[in-house]
Amino acid sequence: MNKSSSPKTKQTFYQVWNDSVVIKDLVIAMIINIVLTVIFLYSAIYILSSYVTDPNIMKGYSLLIGLIGCVLGAIICMKLFKPKRVIETDVENNDNLYTVITGFVDYTAEHSISTLPNNAKEELKTLGMYELFIKAEQEANTKVKEDN
């Protein structure tokens, strides 16, 4: 578990399973999920025991209802605890990004920047990546022409 601090929020983040978490939020989320799961599980056992005669079927349905409690807890935690990640990209140095783009993009007539929907083009422009894709596509087309 690695410890780091965020200057913007004054919270201490810990690395747990390769994810940054605030321990207080993690503990609260775990308590919420455990409590809801146990409540749903034992409530289902209590209620189903008077209706279902086969104990194996009762245990199966109880586990299913316990899982519903777990999912409900996850939804509650999702609403309570917003993501705290801040993704920063180095816009100044586009060389690495350009290398990645040229490495995995295979341009063909049907897979071209011009065939992208307008909203995708706008998003690429917002991210400062549109020109990089255009440049990579032009270089790929030039290379194909040279090879033929």
N, C-alpha and C. Protein backbone atom coordinates (compact mmCIF):
# COMPACT_ATOMS: atom_id res chain seq x y z
N MET A 1 0.85 -1.17 0.00
CA MET A 1 0.00 0.00 0.00
C MET A 1 0.89 1.23 0.00
N ASN A 2 0.87 2.01 -1.09
CA ASN A 2 1.65 3.22 -1.20
C ASN A 2 0.81 4.41 -0.81
N LYS A 3 1.48 5.42 -0.23
CA LYS A 3 0.78 6.60 0.24
C LYS A 3 1.17 7.80 -0.62
N SER A 4 0.18 8.58 -1.04
CA SER A 4 0.45 9.82 -1.77
C SER A 4 -0.58 10.86 -1.36
N SER A 5 -0.25 12.12 -1.62
CA SER A 5 -1.13 13.20 -1.21
C SER A 5 -1.47 14.07 -2.40
N SER A 6 -2.70 14.54 -2.45
CA SER A 6 -3.14 15.41 -3.52
C SER A 6 -3.17 16.85 -3.01
N PRO A 7 -2.42 17.77 -3.63
CA PRO A 7 -2.40 19.14 -3.14
C PRO A 7 -3.72 19.87 -3.33
N LYS A 8 -4.51 19.49 -4.33
CA LYS A 8 -5.76 20.19 -4.61
C LYS A 8 -6.81 19.89 -3.54
N THR A 9 -6.90 18.66 -3.09
CA THR A 9 -7.98 18.26 -2.20
C THR A 9 -7.53 18.05 -0.76
N LYS A 10 -6.24 18.06 -0.51
CA LYS A 10 -5.69 17.83 0.83
C LYS A 10 -6.11 16.49 1.39
N GLN A 11 -6.28 15.50 0.53
CA GLN A 11 -6.61 14.15 0.96
C GLN A 11 -5.41 13.26 0.73
N THR A 12 -5.28 12.26 1.58
CA THR A 12 -4.20 11.30 1.42
C THR A 12 -4.74 10.08 0.69
N PHE A 13 -4.07 9.73 -0.39
CA PHE A 13 -4.47 8.58 -1.19
C PHE A 13 -3.52 7.42 -0.92
N TYR A 14 -4.08 6.23 -0.92
CA TYR A 14 -3.30 5.01 -0.74
C TYR A 14 -3.51 4.14 -1.97
N GLN A 15 -2.45 3.45 -2.35
CA GLN A 15 -2.54 2.53 -3.47
C GLN A 15 -3.02 1.17 -2.94
N VAL A 16 -4.20 0.77 -3.36
CA VAL A 16 -4.76 -0.53 -2.98
C VAL A 16 -5.13 -1.24 -4.28
N TRP A 17 -4.50 -2.36 -4.54
CA TRP A 17 -4.73 -3.13 -5.76
C TRP A 17 -4.60 -2.24 -7.00
N ASN A 18 -3.54 -1.45 -7.03
CA ASN A 18 -3.22 -0.59 -8.16
C ASN A 18 -4.26 0.50 -8.41
N ASP A 19 -4.96 0.91 -7.39
CA ASP A 19 -5.94 1.98 -7.51
C ASP A 19 -5.72 2.96 -6.36
N SER A 20 -5.93 4.23 -6.61
CA SER A 20 -5.78 5.24 -5.57
C SER A 20 -7.09 5.40 -4.82
N VAL A 21 -7.03 5.25 -3.51
CA VAL A 21 -8.25 5.35 -2.69
C VAL A 21 -7.98 6.20 -1.46
N VAL A 22 -9.05 6.78 -0.93
CA VAL A 22 -9.02 7.43 0.37
C VAL A 22 -9.51 6.37 1.35
N ILE A 23 -8.70 6.04 2.34
CA ILE A 23 -9.01 4.93 3.25
C ILE A 23 -10.37 5.13 3.93
N LYS A 24 -10.66 6.35 4.35
CA LYS A 24 -11.94 6.60 5.01
C LYS A 24 -13.11 6.23 4.10
N ASP A 25 -13.05 6.64 2.84
CA ASP A 25 -14.11 6.30 1.89
C ASP A 25 -14.18 4.80 1.64
N LEU A 26 -13.03 4.15 1.56
CA LEU A 26 -13.00 2.71 1.34
C LEU A 26 -13.64 1.97 2.50
N VAL A 27 -13.32 2.37 3.72
CA VAL A 27 -13.88 1.70 4.90
C VAL A 27 -15.40 1.92 4.97
N ILE A 28 -15.84 3.14 4.69
CA ILE A 28 -17.29 3.41 4.72
C ILE A 28 -18.00 2.59 3.64
N ALA A 29 -17.41 2.52 2.46
CA ALA A 29 -18.02 1.73 1.37
C ALA A 29 -18.08 0.25 1.75
N MET A 30 -17.03 -0.26 2.37
CA MET A 30 -17.03 -1.66 2.79
C MET A 30 -18.11 -1.92 3.83
N ILE A 31 -18.25 -1.01 4.78
CA ILE A 31 -19.28 -1.17 5.83
C ILE A 31 -20.67 -1.16 5.20
N ILE A 32 -20.92 -0.21 4.30
CA ILE A 32 -22.23 -0.14 3.64
C ILE A 32 -22.53 -1.44 2.91
N ASN A 33 -21.57 -1.94 2.15
CA ASN A 33 -21.79 -3.17 1.38
C ASN A 33 -21.97 -4.39 2.28
N ILE A 34 -21.17 -4.50 3.31
CA ILE A 34 -21.28 -5.65 4.22
C ILE A 34 -22.63 -5.64 4.92
N VAL A 35 -23.02 -4.48 5.44
CA VAL A 35 -24.29 -4.37 6.18
C VAL A 35 -25.47 -4.70 5.26
N LEU A 36 -25.50 -4.10 4.07
CA LEU A 36 -26.62 -4.37 3.17
C LEU A 36 -26.66 -5.83 2.72
N THR A 37 -25.50 -6.40 2.42
CA THR A 37 -25.47 -7.79 1.99
C THR A 37 -25.96 -8.72 3.09
N VAL A 38 -25.50 -8.51 4.30
CA VAL A 38 -25.91 -9.37 5.42
C VAL A 38 -27.39 -9.18 5.73
N ILE A 39 -27.87 -7.95 5.70
CA ILE A 39 -29.29 -7.70 5.96
C ILE A 39 -30.16 -8.41 4.91
N PHE A 40 -29.79 -8.25 3.63
CA PHE A 40 -30.57 -8.89 2.57
C PHE A 40 -30.49 -10.42 2.69
N LEU A 41 -29.31 -10.94 2.98
CA LEU A 41 -29.13 -12.39 3.07
C LEU A 41 -29.98 -12.98 4.20
N TYR A 42 -29.82 -12.44 5.40
CA TYR A 42 -30.53 -13.02 6.54
C TYR A 42 -32.03 -12.72 6.50
N SER A 43 -32.42 -11.60 5.92
CA SER A 43 -33.85 -11.32 5.75
C SER A 43 -34.46 -12.34 4.78
N ALA A 44 -33.73 -12.64 3.72
CA ALA A 44 -34.21 -13.63 2.75
C ALA A 44 -34.31 -15.01 3.40
N ILE A 45 -33.32 -15.37 4.20
CA ILE A 45 -33.38 -16.67 4.89
C ILE A 45 -34.60 -16.73 5.80
N TYR A 46 -34.82 -15.66 6.56
CA TYR A 46 -35.94 -15.62 7.49
C TYR A 46 -37.28 -15.70 6.74
N ILE A 47 -37.41 -14.91 5.69
CA ILE A 47 -38.68 -14.85 4.96
C ILE A 47 -38.90 -16.14 4.17
N LEU A 48 -37.87 -16.63 3.47
CA LEU A 48 -38.04 -17.81 2.63
C LEU A 48 -38.20 -19.10 3.43
N SER A 49 -37.73 -19.11 4.66
CA SER A 49 -37.83 -20.35 5.45
C SER A 49 -39.28 -20.74 5.72
N SER A 50 -40.18 -19.77 5.71
CA SER A 50 -41.59 -20.10 5.92
C SER A 50 -42.30 -20.48 4.62
N TYR A 51 -41.69 -20.23 3.47
CA TYR A 51 -42.34 -20.52 2.19
C TYR A 51 -41.71 -21.69 1.43
N VAL A 52 -40.41 -21.88 1.59
CA VAL A 52 -39.70 -22.89 0.82
C VAL A 52 -39.33 -24.05 1.75
N THR A 53 -39.66 -25.27 1.31
CA THR A 53 -39.39 -26.42 2.16
C THR A 53 -38.01 -27.02 1.93
N ASP A 54 -37.49 -26.91 0.72
CA ASP A 54 -36.17 -27.47 0.41
C ASP A 54 -35.09 -26.49 0.87
N PRO A 55 -34.23 -26.89 1.82
CA PRO A 55 -33.21 -25.97 2.34
C PRO A 55 -32.18 -25.54 1.29
N ASN A 56 -31.88 -26.41 0.33
CA ASN A 56 -30.91 -26.05 -0.70
C ASN A 56 -31.45 -24.94 -1.61
N ILE A 57 -32.71 -25.03 -1.96
CA ILE A 57 -33.33 -23.98 -2.77
C ILE A 57 -33.40 -22.69 -1.97
N MET A 58 -33.74 -22.80 -0.69
CA MET A 58 -33.82 -21.61 0.16
C MET A 58 -32.45 -20.92 0.25
N LYS A 59 -31.38 -21.70 0.41
CA LYS A 59 -30.04 -21.12 0.50
C LYS A 59 -29.64 -20.45 -0.82
N GLY A 60 -30.00 -21.08 -1.93
CA GLY A 60 -29.68 -20.50 -3.24
C GLY A 60 -30.37 -19.17 -3.46
N TYR A 61 -31.67 -19.13 -3.17
CA TYR A 61 -32.40 -17.88 -3.33
C TYR A 61 -31.92 -16.83 -2.33
N SER A 62 -31.57 -17.25 -1.14
CA SER A 62 -31.07 -16.31 -0.14
C SER A 62 -29.76 -15.68 -0.61
N LEU A 63 -28.88 -16.50 -1.19
CA LEU A 63 -27.62 -15.96 -1.72
C LEU A 63 -27.88 -14.98 -2.86
N LEU A 64 -28.84 -15.31 -3.70
CA LEU A 64 -29.19 -14.41 -4.81
C LEU A 64 -29.70 -13.07 -4.27
N ILE A 65 -30.54 -13.12 -3.28
CA ILE A 65 -31.06 -11.88 -2.68
C ILE A 65 -29.94 -11.14 -1.94
N GLY A 66 -29.02 -11.87 -1.33
CA GLY A 66 -27.85 -11.23 -0.72
C GLY A 66 -27.00 -10.50 -1.74
N LEU A 67 -26.87 -11.10 -2.92
CA LEU A 67 -26.14 -10.43 -4.01
C LEU A 67 -26.85 -9.16 -4.46
N ILE A 68 -28.16 -9.18 -4.44
CA ILE A 68 -28.91 -7.97 -4.78
C ILE A 68 -28.58 -6.86 -3.78
N GLY A 69 -28.46 -7.23 -2.51
CA GLY A 69 -28.05 -6.26 -1.49
C GLY A 69 -26.66 -5.72 -1.75
N CYS A 70 -25.77 -6.59 -2.22
CA CYS A 70 -24.41 -6.18 -2.55
C CYS A 70 -24.40 -5.19 -3.71
N VAL A 71 -25.18 -5.46 -4.73
CA VAL A 71 -25.28 -4.55 -5.89
C VAL A 71 -25.89 -3.23 -5.47
N LEU A 72 -26.91 -3.26 -4.62
CA LEU A 72 -27.52 -2.04 -4.11
C LEU A 72 -26.49 -1.22 -3.34
N GLY A 73 -25.67 -1.89 -2.54
CA GLY A 73 -24.60 -1.20 -1.81
C GLY A 73 -23.60 -0.55 -2.74
N ALA A 74 -23.27 -1.24 -3.83
CA ALA A 74 -22.33 -0.68 -4.81
C ALA A 74 -22.93 0.56 -5.47
N ILE A 75 -24.22 0.53 -5.76
CA ILE A 75 -24.88 1.69 -6.38
C ILE A 75 -24.89 2.87 -5.41
N ILE A 76 -25.17 2.60 -4.15
CA ILE A 76 -25.16 3.66 -3.13
C ILE A 76 -23.76 4.26 -3.01
N CYS A 77 -22.75 3.41 -2.96
CA CYS A 77 -21.36 3.90 -2.85
C CYS A 77 -20.94 4.67 -4.09
N MET A 78 -21.43 4.25 -5.24
CA MET A 78 -21.12 4.96 -6.48
C MET A 78 -21.67 6.38 -6.42
N LYS A 79 -22.84 6.54 -5.82
CA LYS A 79 -23.44 7.87 -5.71
C LYS A 79 -22.77 8.70 -4.61
N LEU A 80 -22.35 8.04 -3.53
CA LEU A 80 -21.74 8.76 -2.41
C LEU A 80 -20.31 9.20 -2.69
N PHE A 81 -19.52 8.35 -3.33
CA PHE A 81 -18.10 8.61 -3.49
C PHE A 81 -17.76 8.78 -4.96
N LYS A 82 -17.55 10.00 -5.35
CA LYS A 82 -17.20 10.30 -6.74
C LYS A 82 -15.73 9.95 -6.97
N PRO A 83 -15.36 9.63 -8.22
CA PRO A 83 -13.96 9.31 -8.52
C PRO A 83 -13.06 10.49 -8.19
N LYS A 84 -11.88 10.17 -7.68
CA LYS A 84 -10.93 11.20 -7.27
C LYS A 84 -9.71 11.23 -8.17
N ARG A 85 -9.75 10.47 -9.26
CA ARG A 85 -8.61 10.44 -10.17
C ARG A 85 -8.55 11.72 -10.98
N VAL A 86 -7.35 12.16 -11.21
CA VAL A 86 -7.11 13.28 -12.11
C VAL A 86 -6.16 12.76 -13.17
N ILE A 87 -6.63 12.73 -14.41
CA ILE A 87 -5.80 12.23 -15.49
C ILE A 87 -5.17 13.42 -16.17
N GLU A 88 -3.86 13.43 -16.16
CA GLU A 88 -3.13 14.53 -16.79
C GLU A 88 -2.35 13.98 -17.97
N THR A 89 -2.40 14.72 -19.05
CA THR A 89 -1.63 14.34 -20.23
C THR A 89 -0.65 15.45 -20.54
N ASP A 90 0.46 15.08 -21.10
CA ASP A 90 1.48 16.04 -21.47
C ASP A 90 1.21 16.50 -22.89
N VAL A 91 0.46 17.59 -23.03
CA VAL A 91 0.08 18.09 -24.34
C VAL A 91 1.28 18.68 -25.06
N GLU A 92 2.27 19.16 -24.32
CA GLU A 92 3.44 19.78 -24.92
C GLU A 92 4.25 18.78 -25.74
N ASN A 93 4.31 17.53 -25.28
CA ASN A 93 5.12 16.53 -25.96
C ASN A 93 4.21 15.53 -26.66
N ASN A 94 3.88 15.82 -27.92
CA ASN A 94 3.00 14.95 -28.68
C ASN A 94 3.75 13.84 -29.40
N ASP A 95 5.07 13.81 -29.30
CA ASP A 95 5.85 12.80 -30.01
C ASP A 95 5.49 11.39 -29.55
N ASN A 96 5.36 11.19 -28.24
CA ASN A 96 5.01 9.87 -27.72
C ASN A 96 3.62 9.45 -28.16
N LEU A 97 2.69 10.39 -28.10
CA LEU A 97 1.31 10.10 -28.51
C LEU A 97 1.27 9.78 -30.01
N TYR A 98 2.01 10.54 -30.80
CA TYR A 98 2.05 10.30 -32.24
C TYR A 98 2.62 8.92 -32.55
N THR A 99 3.64 8.52 -31.80
CA THR A 99 4.23 7.19 -31.98
C THR A 99 3.21 6.10 -31.70
N VAL A 100 2.43 6.30 -30.66
CA VAL A 100 1.39 5.32 -30.31
C VAL A 100 0.33 5.28 -31.41
N ILE A 101 -0.10 6.45 -31.87
CA ILE A 101 -1.14 6.51 -32.91
C ILE A 101 -0.67 5.79 -34.17
N THR A 102 0.55 6.08 -34.62
CA THR A 102 1.04 5.45 -35.85
C THR A 102 1.29 3.96 -35.66
N GLY A 103 1.51 3.54 -34.42
CA GLY A 103 1.79 2.13 -34.16
C GLY A 103 0.57 1.24 -34.20
N PHE A 104 -0.60 1.77 -33.87
CA PHE A 104 -1.77 0.88 -33.79
C PHE A 104 -2.85 1.19 -34.81
N VAL A 105 -2.74 2.29 -35.52
CA VAL A 105 -3.79 2.66 -36.46
C VAL A 105 -3.45 2.12 -37.84
N ASP A 106 -4.41 1.42 -38.43
CA ASP A 106 -4.27 0.89 -39.78
C ASP A 106 -5.31 1.60 -40.64
N TYR A 107 -4.86 2.53 -41.46
CA TYR A 107 -5.78 3.35 -42.25
C TYR A 107 -6.16 2.65 -43.54
N THR A 108 -7.44 2.59 -43.79
CA THR A 108 -7.97 2.10 -45.06
C THR A 108 -9.05 3.08 -45.49
N ALA A 109 -9.61 2.87 -46.64
CA ALA A 109 -10.64 3.80 -47.14
C ALA A 109 -11.85 3.86 -46.20
N GLU A 110 -12.22 2.72 -45.64
CA GLU A 110 -13.39 2.73 -44.75
C GLU A 110 -13.04 3.08 -43.30
N HIS A 111 -11.76 3.06 -42.96
CA HIS A 111 -11.32 3.42 -41.61
C HIS A 111 -10.41 4.64 -41.70
N SER A 112 -11.02 5.78 -41.91
CA SER A 112 -10.29 7.02 -42.09
C SER A 112 -10.85 8.06 -41.15
N ILE A 113 -10.06 9.08 -40.90
CA ILE A 113 -10.52 10.18 -40.05
C ILE A 113 -11.76 10.83 -40.67
N SER A 114 -11.82 10.88 -41.99
CA SER A 114 -12.96 11.52 -42.66
C SER A 114 -14.26 10.75 -42.44
N THR A 115 -14.18 9.46 -42.11
CA THR A 115 -15.40 8.67 -41.89
C THR A 115 -15.90 8.72 -40.46
N LEU A 116 -15.15 9.39 -39.58
CA LEU A 116 -15.60 9.49 -38.19
C LEU A 116 -16.81 10.40 -38.07
N PRO A 117 -17.69 10.12 -37.11
CA PRO A 117 -18.82 11.03 -36.87
C PRO A 117 -18.28 12.40 -36.40
N ASN A 118 -19.05 13.43 -36.61
CA ASN A 118 -18.62 14.79 -36.25
C ASN A 118 -18.31 14.94 -34.77
N ASN A 119 -19.11 14.27 -33.91
CA ASN A 119 -18.85 14.40 -32.47
C ASN A 119 -17.52 13.76 -32.08
N ALA A 120 -17.13 12.70 -32.76
CA ALA A 120 -15.83 12.08 -32.49
C ALA A 120 -14.70 12.99 -32.95
N LYS A 121 -14.89 13.63 -34.11
CA LYS A 121 -13.88 14.57 -34.60
C LYS A 121 -13.71 15.74 -33.63
N GLU A 122 -14.84 16.25 -33.13
CA GLU A 122 -14.78 17.37 -32.19
C GLU A 122 -14.06 16.97 -30.90
N GLU A 123 -14.31 15.75 -30.44
CA GLU A 123 -13.65 15.30 -29.23
C GLU A 123 -12.15 15.17 -29.44
N LEU A 124 -11.76 14.64 -30.60
CA LEU A 124 -10.33 14.55 -30.92
C LEU A 124 -9.70 15.94 -30.99
N LYS A 125 -10.43 16.90 -31.55
CA LYS A 125 -9.91 18.27 -31.62
C LYS A 125 -9.77 18.86 -30.22
N THR A 126 -10.75 18.60 -29.36
CA THR A 126 -10.70 19.09 -27.98
C THR A 126 -9.49 18.53 -27.25
N LEU A 127 -9.19 17.26 -27.50
CA LEU A 127 -8.05 16.62 -26.85
C LEU A 127 -6.71 16.97 -27.51
N GLY A 128 -6.76 17.70 -28.62
CA GLY A 128 -5.54 18.05 -29.33
C GLY A 128 -4.94 16.90 -30.10
N MET A 129 -5.76 15.93 -30.47
CA MET A 129 -5.27 14.73 -31.14
C MET A 129 -5.68 14.65 -32.60
N TYR A 130 -6.59 15.49 -33.03
CA TYR A 130 -7.13 15.40 -34.39
C TYR A 130 -6.01 15.57 -35.42
N GLU A 131 -5.18 16.58 -35.24
CA GLU A 131 -4.11 16.85 -36.18
C GLU A 131 -3.11 15.70 -36.22
N LEU A 132 -2.88 15.07 -35.08
CA LEU A 132 -1.96 13.92 -35.03
C LEU A 132 -2.50 12.76 -35.86
N PHE A 133 -3.80 12.51 -35.76
CA PHE A 133 -4.40 11.44 -36.55
C PHE A 133 -4.36 11.77 -38.04
N ILE A 134 -4.63 13.03 -38.39
CA ILE A 134 -4.55 13.45 -39.80
C ILE A 134 -3.13 13.23 -40.33
N LYS A 135 -2.15 13.66 -39.56
CA LYS A 135 -0.74 13.51 -39.97
C LYS A 135 -0.38 12.04 -40.13
N ALA A 136 -0.79 11.21 -39.18
CA ALA A 136 -0.48 9.78 -39.25
C ALA A 136 -1.18 9.14 -40.45
N GLU A 137 -2.40 9.56 -40.72
CA GLU A 137 -3.12 9.01 -41.87
C GLU A 137 -2.45 9.41 -43.19
N GLN A 138 -2.02 10.65 -43.28
CA GLN A 138 -1.34 11.11 -44.50
C GLN A 138 -0.04 10.35 -44.71
N GLU A 139 0.73 10.14 -43.65
CA GLU A 139 1.98 9.38 -43.76
C GLU A 139 1.73 7.94 -44.15
N ALA A 140 0.66 7.34 -43.58
CA ALA A 140 0.33 5.96 -43.92
C ALA A 140 -0.08 5.85 -45.40
N ASN A 141 -0.86 6.83 -45.88
CA ASN A 141 -1.26 6.82 -47.29
C ASN A 141 -0.06 7.01 -48.21
N THR A 142 0.86 7.88 -47.82
CA THR A 142 2.08 8.09 -48.61
C THR A 142 2.91 6.82 -48.68
N LYS A 143 3.01 6.14 -47.55
CA LYS A 143 3.79 4.89 -47.49
C LYS A 143 3.16 3.82 -48.38
N VAL A 144 1.82 3.74 -48.36
CA VAL A 144 1.14 2.73 -49.20
C VAL A 144 1.38 3.03 -50.67
N LYS A 145 1.32 4.32 -51.03
CA LYS A 145 1.55 4.70 -52.43
C LYS A 145 2.99 4.38 -52.85
N GLU A 146 3.94 4.60 -51.94
CA GLU A 146 5.35 4.31 -52.25
C GLU A 146 5.58 2.82 -52.41
N ASP A 147 4.87 2.02 -51.60
CA ASP A 147 5.03 0.56 -51.66
C ASP A 147 4.46 -0.03 -52.94
N ASN A 148 3.44 0.66 -53.50
CA ASN A 148 2.80 0.15 -54.73
C ASN A 148 3.57 0.65 -55.89
